[in-house]
C-alpha atoms as a PDB file:
ATOM      1  CA  MET A   1      46.519 148.322 -80.402  1.00  0.00           C
ATOM      2  CA  ASN A   2      47.930 146.880 -77.214  1.00  0.00           C
ATOM      3  CA  GLN A   3      50.378 148.607 -74.901  1.00  0.00           C
ATOM      4  CA  GLN A   4      53.385 146.654 -76.201  1.00  0.00           C
ATOM      5  CA  GLN A   5      52.642 147.676 -79.802  1.00  0.00           C
ATOM      6  CA  MET A   6      52.170 151.286 -78.718  1.00  0.00           C
ATOM      7  CA  MET A   7      55.525 151.299 -76.909  1.00  0.00           C
ATOM      8  CA  ALA A   8      57.212 149.844 -79.999  1.00  0.00           C
ATOM      9  CA  GLN A   9      55.675 152.649 -82.092  1.00  0.00           C
ATOM     10  CA  VAL A  10      56.861 155.270 -79.608  1.00  0.00           C
ATOM     11  CA  LYS A  11      60.420 153.878 -79.661  1.00  0.00           C
ATOM     12  CA  LYS A  12      60.412 153.841 -83.454  1.00  0.00           C
ATOM     13  CA  MET A  13      59.215 157.445 -83.571  1.00  0.00           C
ATOM     14  CA  GLN A  14      61.858 158.483 -81.014  1.00  0.00           C
ATOM     15  CA  ALA A  15      64.583 156.887 -83.158  1.00  0.00           C
ATOM     16  CA  GLU A  16      63.267 158.647 -86.258  1.00  0.00           C
ATOM     17  CA  MET A  17      63.103 161.931 -84.343  1.00  0.00           C
ATOM     18  CA  THR A  18      66.710 161.570 -83.189  1.00  0.00           C
ATOM     19  CA  ARG A  19      67.850 160.822 -86.736  1.00  0.00           C
ATOM     20  CA  ALA A  20      65.913 163.830 -88.060  1.00  0.00           C
ATOM     21  CA  GLN A  21      67.419 166.114 -85.409  1.00  0.00           C
ATOM     22  CA  GLU A  22      70.929 164.928 -86.335  1.00  0.00           C
ATOM     23  CA  GLU A  23      70.237 165.585 -90.015  1.00  0.00           C
ATOM     24  CA  ILE A  24      68.892 169.040 -89.229  1.00  0.00           C
ATOM     25  CA  ALA A  25      71.919 169.886 -87.080  1.00  0.00           C
ATOM     26  CA  SER A  26      74.298 168.912 -89.872  1.00  0.00           C
ATOM     27  CA  MET A  27      72.485 170.671 -92.715  1.00  0.00           C
ATOM     28  CA  SER A  28      73.721 173.911 -94.194  1.00  0.00           C
ATOM     29  CA  VAL A  29      71.483 176.638 -95.639  1.00  0.00           C
ATOM     30  CA  THR A  30      72.208 179.989 -97.226  1.00  0.00           C
ATOM     31  CA  GLY A  31      70.502 183.316 -97.534  1.00  0.00           C
ATOM     32  CA  THR A  32      71.463 186.024 -99.981  1.00  0.00           C
ATOM     33  CA  ALA A  33      70.705 189.684-100.505  1.00  0.00           C
ATOM     34  CA  GLY A  34      71.494 192.310-103.077  1.00  0.00           C
ATOM     35  CA  GLY A  35      71.647 189.841-105.941  1.00  0.00           C
ATOM     36  CA  GLY A  36      74.367 187.863-104.191  1.00  0.00           C
ATOM     37  CA  ALA A  37      76.243 190.862-102.782  1.00  0.00           C
ATOM     38  CA  VAL A  38      75.899 189.290 -99.327  1.00  0.00           C
ATOM     39  CA  THR A  39      75.643 185.565 -98.629  1.00  0.00           C
ATOM     40  CA  VAL A  40      75.097 184.114 -95.170  1.00  0.00           C
ATOM     41  CA  THR A  41      75.500 180.403 -94.472  1.00  0.00           C
ATOM     42  CA  MET A  42      74.153 178.808 -91.302  1.00  0.00           C
ATOM     43  CA  SER A  43      73.581 175.407 -89.806  1.00  0.00           C
ATOM     44  CA  GLY A  44      70.199 173.863 -89.162  1.00  0.00           C
ATOM     45  CA  GLU A  45      70.681 174.918 -85.558  1.00  0.00           C
ATOM     46  CA  TYR A  46      70.730 178.582 -86.632  1.00  0.00           C
ATOM     47  CA  THR A  47      74.463 179.052 -86.094  1.00  0.00           C
ATOM     48  CA  VAL A  48      75.981 181.395 -88.670  1.00  0.00           C
ATOM     49  CA  THR A  49      78.988 179.631 -90.157  1.00  0.00           C
ATOM     50  CA  SER A  50      79.948 182.068 -92.904  1.00  0.00           C
ATOM     51  CA  VAL A  51      79.297 185.593 -94.146  1.00  0.00           C
ATOM     52  CA  LYS A  52      80.529 186.589 -97.598  1.00  0.00           C
ATOM     53  CA  VAL A  53      80.399 190.189 -98.784  1.00  0.00           C
ATOM     54  CA  ALA A  54      81.211 191.131-102.377  1.00  0.00           C
ATOM     55  CA  LYS A  55      83.768 193.908-102.647  1.00  0.00           C
ATOM     56  CA  GLU A  56      81.284 195.985-104.630  1.00  0.00           C
ATOM     57  CA  ALA A  57      78.948 196.000-101.610  1.00  0.00           C
ATOM     58  CA  ILE A  58      81.533 197.672 -99.388  1.00  0.00           C
ATOM     59  CA  ASP A  59      81.161 201.432 -99.446  1.00  0.00           C
ATOM     60  CA  PRO A  60      82.797 203.155 -96.455  1.00  0.00           C
ATOM     61  CA  ASP A  61      80.452 206.096 -96.940  1.00  0.00           C
ATOM     62  CA  ASP A  62      77.324 203.920 -96.871  1.00  0.00           C
ATOM     63  CA  ALA A  63      77.608 201.353 -94.084  1.00  0.00           C
ATOM     64  CA  GLU A  64      73.834 201.388 -93.598  1.00  0.00           C
ATOM     65  CA  THR A  65      73.161 199.705 -96.947  1.00  0.00           C
ATOM     66  CA  LEU A  66      75.628 196.917 -96.156  1.00  0.00           C
ATOM     67  CA  GLU A  67      74.063 196.473 -92.714  1.00  0.00           C
ATOM     68  CA  ASP A  68      70.640 196.179 -94.361  1.00  0.00           C
ATOM     69  CA  LEU A  69      71.940 193.603 -96.854  1.00  0.00           C
ATOM     70  CA  ILE A  70      73.445 191.513 -94.048  1.00  0.00           C
ATOM     71  CA  THR A  71      70.171 191.664 -92.118  1.00  0.00           C
ATOM     72  CA  VAL A  72      68.186 190.536 -95.162  1.00  0.00           C
ATOM     73  CA  ALA A  73      70.634 187.702 -95.893  1.00  0.00           C
ATOM     74  CA  VAL A  74      70.555 186.447 -92.288  1.00  0.00           C
ATOM     75  CA  ASN A  75      66.754 186.520 -92.251  1.00  0.00           C
ATOM     76  CA  ALA A  76      66.660 184.626 -95.560  1.00  0.00           C
ATOM     77  CA  ALA A  77      68.994 181.973 -94.146  1.00  0.00           C
ATOM     78  CA  VAL A  78      66.838 181.650 -91.007  1.00  0.00           C
ATOM     79  CA  LYS A  79      63.748 181.191 -93.186  1.00  0.00           C
ATOM     80  CA  SER A  80      65.530 178.518 -95.220  1.00  0.00           C
ATOM     81  CA  ALA A  81      66.565 176.706 -92.037  1.00  0.00           C
ATOM     82  CA  LYS A  82      63.024 176.869 -90.641  1.00  0.00           C
ATOM     83  CA  ASP A  83      61.494 175.633 -93.891  1.00  0.00           C
ATOM     84  CA  ALA A  84      63.969 172.736 -94.146  1.00  0.00           C
ATOM     85  CA  THR A  85      63.404 171.822 -90.489  1.00  0.00           C
ATOM     86  CA  GLU A  86      59.627 171.848 -90.872  1.00  0.00           C
ATOM     87  CA  LYS A  87      59.853 169.749 -94.031  1.00  0.00           C
ATOM     88  CA  ARG A  88      62.110 167.161 -92.398  1.00  0.00           C
ATOM     89  CA  MET A  89      60.135 166.989 -89.156  1.00  0.00           C
ATOM     90  CA  SER A  90      56.807 166.652 -90.992  1.00  0.00           C
ATOM     91  CA  VAL A  91      58.104 163.361 -92.397  1.00  0.00           C
ATOM     92  CA  VAL A  92      58.610 162.090 -88.834  1.00  0.00           C
ATOM     93  CA  THR A  93      55.372 163.470 -87.424  1.00  0.00           C
ATOM     94  CA  GLY A  94      53.210 162.594 -90.385  1.00  0.00           C
ATOM     95  CA  GLY A  95      52.427 166.261 -90.954  1.00  0.00           C
ATOM     96  CA  MET A  96      51.134 166.851 -87.413  1.00  0.00           C
ATOM     97  CA  ARG A  97      52.312 170.130 -85.909  1.00  0.00           C
ATOM     98  CA  ILE A  98      53.651 169.232 -82.493  1.00  0.00           C
ATOM     99  CA  PRO A  99      54.351 172.246 -80.248  1.00  0.00           C
ATOM    100  CA  GLY A 100      58.005 172.547 -79.278  1.00  0.00           C
ATOM    101  CA  LEU A 101      59.281 170.584 -82.276  1.00  0.00           C
ATOM    102  CA  MET A 102      58.864 173.154 -85.018  1.00  0.00           C
END
């Protein structure tokens, strides 16, 4: 492979990487806890965009349980975002794990 071909490959990969990053930024994932009592939605950039709490989950005498449910739902959403990001980026990188990308 000559240098010109290598540069063309690098540019192609950069374009694919940019497209993948844009897709990841615009994706939406959710995490739930308590059988749907709490649902957290976040972007692929780990920004929480919505938190829904079922009325049944709100007990003024037991805030700790609700706090735990929110924590579990946020962590589930983060895991979903990470999994989706890794899946999308592996398409671009051919399955190679590149430090700093995932």
